[in-house]
Amino acid sequence: KFFKTRRRRSIELRMAFLASLWTGDFLIPTDLLLKYTPALFGPLASITHGVTTAYWPANVRMLLQPALEPDVGFDNVSPRLQISRLSQKSESFQRLHAAHCNQLESLPIFVAAMILGKYAGLEETRLSKLATLWIFLRNIYNVIYFIQGRTLSLIRTLVFMWSLCISCNIIREAASKLRQREED
């Protein structure tokens, strides 16, 4: 088990490294999918949808709390201790909490990408489509995290990397456009 976990972490680290390189543009067919992606959310409005995506696993997790500890209900005095305790009792609770924590790690990069993209003057429709795709992927990520087995865990990692690539590539595009603006 130790080596399998270590091997998976090694793969995740390599994927994160590749996503941070310019090759991130070519790892995943984002531009191909943008033809079919609707521009549902504006760049800045998408931030609120990103927050909702980050917090829905926590909200579902909170619905489980009274069922797992009926005598306690919600412990607002020591919520983190309760989360730790309930994560030991319920795999579903633990997965929802882990999905929420991962969303909180991913959200700041997405927020920075949307703000920088808007500031740099990237094309609005493209930004909106990328935001829609990111929100869709992160919601898929949440569902996969909750229902995953061994096979789905690899798909979950790929969805995570794809969403990370989207955010990093927006930041790269914004940096390139701002650099061009400075040179002119």
Protein backbone atom coordinates (compact mmCIF):
# COMPACT_ATOMS: atom_id res chain seq x y z
CA LYS A 1 0.00 0.00 0.00
CA PHE A 2 2.84 2.41 0.87
CA PHE A 3 4.44 2.01 -2.56
CA LYS A 4 1.12 2.39 -4.40
CA THR A 5 0.45 5.66 -2.54
CA ARG A 6 4.00 6.80 -3.14
CA ARG A 7 3.74 5.90 -6.84
CA ARG A 8 0.45 7.82 -7.18
CA ARG A 9 1.99 10.89 -5.54
CA SER A 10 4.95 10.65 -7.89
CA ILE A 11 2.60 10.62 -10.89
CA GLU A 12 0.64 13.58 -9.50
CA LEU A 13 3.85 15.56 -8.96
CA ARG A 14 4.99 14.88 -12.53
CA MET A 15 1.60 15.92 -13.87
CA ALA A 16 1.66 19.14 -11.82
CA PHE A 17 5.14 19.88 -13.15
CA LEU A 18 4.00 19.33 -16.75
CA ALA A 19 0.95 21.53 -16.18
CA SER A 20 3.20 24.38 -15.09
CA LEU A 21 5.22 24.24 -18.30
CA TRP A 22 4.19 25.62 -21.67
CA THR A 23 3.39 22.01 -22.56
CA GLY A 24 0.27 22.48 -20.43
CA ASP A 25 -1.32 23.96 -23.54
CA PHE A 26 -0.91 20.67 -25.35
CA LEU A 27 -1.65 18.12 -22.63
CA ILE A 28 -5.38 18.52 -22.77
CA PRO A 29 -7.59 19.48 -25.74
CA THR A 30 -9.11 22.57 -24.12
CA ASP A 31 -9.19 24.68 -27.27
CA LEU A 32 -10.89 21.87 -29.16
CA LEU A 33 -13.63 21.66 -26.52
CA LEU A 34 -14.13 25.42 -26.40
CA LYS A 35 -15.94 25.16 -29.74
CA TYR A 36 -18.67 23.23 -27.91
CA THR A 37 -18.52 25.01 -24.55
CA PRO A 38 -21.15 27.69 -23.94
CA ALA A 39 -20.13 31.02 -22.40
CA LEU A 40 -22.51 30.64 -19.46
CA PHE A 41 -20.66 32.77 -16.92
CA GLY A 42 -18.81 36.04 -17.33
CA PRO A 43 -15.23 36.03 -16.04
CA LEU A 44 -15.95 37.91 -12.82
CA ALA A 45 -19.37 36.35 -12.20
CA SER A 46 -17.75 32.93 -12.63
CA ILE A 47 -15.82 33.56 -9.41
CA THR A 48 -19.05 33.30 -7.39
CA HIS A 49 -19.90 30.07 -9.23
CA GLY A 50 -16.42 28.81 -8.39
CA VAL A 51 -17.05 29.55 -4.72
CA THR A 52 -20.35 27.66 -4.90
CA THR A 53 -18.53 24.74 -6.52
CA ALA A 54 -15.95 24.79 -3.73
CA TYR A 55 -18.53 24.83 -0.94
CA TRP A 56 -21.21 22.41 -2.11
CA PRO A 57 -19.28 19.36 -0.82
CA ALA A 58 -19.06 21.07 2.57
CA ASN A 59 -22.79 21.78 2.53
CA VAL A 60 -23.61 18.16 1.73
CA ARG A 61 -21.13 17.10 4.42
CA MET A 62 -22.99 19.29 6.92
CA LEU A 63 -26.21 17.44 6.10
CA LEU A 64 -24.51 14.21 7.18
CA GLN A 65 -23.25 15.57 10.51
CA PRO A 66 -26.50 15.26 12.51
CA ALA A 67 -27.04 11.71 11.23
CA LEU A 68 -23.51 10.66 12.21
CA GLU A 69 -23.61 12.29 15.65
CA PRO A 70 -27.29 12.76 16.58
CA ASP A 71 -26.46 13.60 20.19
CA VAL A 72 -24.07 16.42 19.13
CA GLY A 73 -25.57 17.79 15.90
CA PHE A 74 -23.35 20.65 14.77
CA ASP A 75 -20.41 21.46 17.02
CA ASN A 76 -19.77 25.16 16.48
CA VAL A 77 -17.43 25.29 19.46
CA SER A 78 -14.97 22.77 17.97
CA PRO A 79 -15.99 22.25 14.34
CA ARG A 80 -12.58 21.04 13.17
CA LEU A 81 -12.45 18.40 15.90
CA GLN A 82 -15.91 17.22 14.89
CA ILE A 83 -14.86 17.04 11.23
CA SER A 84 -11.81 15.00 12.21
CA ARG A 85 -13.91 12.67 14.35
CA LEU A 86 -16.60 12.20 11.70
CA SER A 87 -14.01 11.62 8.97
CA GLN A 88 -12.92 8.56 10.96
CA LYS A 89 -16.51 7.32 11.21
CA SER A 90 -17.71 7.79 7.63
CA GLU A 91 -15.88 7.38 4.34
CA SER A 92 -18.56 9.45 2.58
CA PHE A 93 -18.06 12.27 5.08
CA GLN A 94 -14.28 12.06 4.67
CA ARG A 95 -14.52 12.17 0.86
CA LEU A 96 -16.83 15.18 0.91
CA HIS A 97 -14.45 16.96 3.26
CA ALA A 98 -11.44 16.08 1.07
CA ALA A 99 -13.25 17.30 -2.07
CA HIS A 100 -14.06 20.58 -0.29
CA CYS A 101 -10.44 21.04 0.85
CA ASN A 102 -9.16 20.37 -2.67
CA GLN A 103 -11.59 22.92 -4.07
CA LEU A 104 -10.28 25.49 -1.60
CA GLU A 105 -6.76 24.79 -2.87
CA SER A 106 -7.78 25.16 -6.53
CA LEU A 107 -10.11 28.15 -6.21
CA PRO A 108 -7.48 30.88 -5.58
CA ILE A 109 -5.63 29.99 -8.79
CA PHE A 110 -8.88 30.16 -10.75
CA VAL A 111 -9.82 33.51 -9.15
CA ALA A 112 -6.39 34.93 -9.97
CA ALA A 113 -6.72 33.67 -13.54
CA MET A 114 -10.12 35.31 -14.04
CA ILE A 115 -9.02 38.64 -12.56
CA LEU A 116 -5.75 38.67 -14.50
CA GLY A 117 -7.51 37.63 -17.70
CA LYS A 118 -10.02 40.45 -17.31
CA TYR A 119 -7.31 42.98 -16.39
CA ALA A 120 -5.13 41.99 -19.34
CA GLY A 121 -8.08 42.37 -21.70
CA LEU A 122 -8.27 38.78 -22.87
CA GLU A 123 -11.20 38.13 -25.16
CA GLU A 124 -14.37 38.05 -23.03
CA THR A 125 -16.10 35.13 -24.75
CA ARG A 126 -12.98 32.97 -24.52
CA LEU A 127 -12.61 33.76 -20.81
CA SER A 128 -16.29 33.00 -20.23
CA LYS A 129 -16.00 29.66 -22.02
CA LEU A 130 -12.87 28.75 -20.07
CA ALA A 131 -14.62 29.68 -16.83
CA THR A 132 -17.64 27.56 -17.77
CA LEU A 133 -15.37 24.62 -18.60
CA TRP A 134 -13.44 25.04 -15.32
CA ILE A 135 -16.67 25.12 -13.27
CA PHE A 136 -17.99 22.06 -15.13
CA LEU A 137 -14.74 20.14 -14.54
CA ARG A 138 -14.58 21.06 -10.86
CA ASN A 139 -18.18 19.90 -10.34
CA ILE A 140 -17.33 16.63 -12.11
CA TYR A 141 -14.28 16.41 -9.82
CA ASN A 142 -16.52 16.71 -6.75
CA VAL A 143 -18.83 13.94 -7.94
CA ILE A 144 -15.95 11.64 -8.87
CA TYR A 145 -14.28 12.25 -5.50
CA PHE A 146 -17.46 11.25 -3.71
CA ILE A 147 -18.14 8.05 -5.70
CA GLN A 148 -14.60 7.07 -6.71
CA GLY A 149 -13.09 3.65 -6.74
CA ARG A 150 -9.62 2.67 -7.91
CA THR A 151 -10.36 3.36 -11.60
CA LEU A 152 -12.12 6.67 -11.02
CA SER A 153 -9.27 7.99 -8.87
CA LEU A 154 -7.09 8.26 -11.99
CA ILE A 155 -9.88 10.06 -13.85
CA ARG A 156 -10.28 12.38 -10.86
CA THR A 157 -6.58 13.24 -11.04
CA LEU A 158 -6.85 13.96 -14.77
CA VAL A 159 -9.86 16.22 -14.20
CA PHE A 160 -7.91 18.03 -11.46
CA MET A 161 -4.94 18.52 -13.79
CA TRP A 162 -7.16 19.72 -16.61
CA SER A 163 -8.75 22.39 -14.42
CA LEU A 164 -5.30 23.41 -13.15
CA CYS A 165 -4.05 23.67 -16.74
CA ILE A 166 -6.98 25.92 -17.64
CA SER A 167 -6.17 28.33 -14.79
CA CYS A 168 -2.42 28.31 -15.48
CA ASN A 169 -2.91 28.85 -19.20
CA ILE A 170 -5.20 31.83 -18.60
CA ILE A 171 -2.53 33.34 -16.37
CA ARG A 172 0.09 32.70 -19.08
CA GLU A 173 -2.11 34.29 -21.76
CA ALA A 174 -2.70 37.32 -19.54
CA ALA A 175 1.02 37.66 -18.76
CA SER A 176 1.86 37.46 -22.46
CA LYS A 177 -0.71 40.10 -23.37
CA LEU A 178 0.48 42.42 -20.58
CA ARG A 179 4.10 41.95 -21.69
CA GLN A 180 3.14 42.85 -25.26
CA ARG A 181 1.31 45.93 -23.99
CA GLU A 182 4.42 47.06 -22.09
CA GLU A 183 6.65 46.55 -25.15
CA ASP A 184 4.36 48.66 -27.36
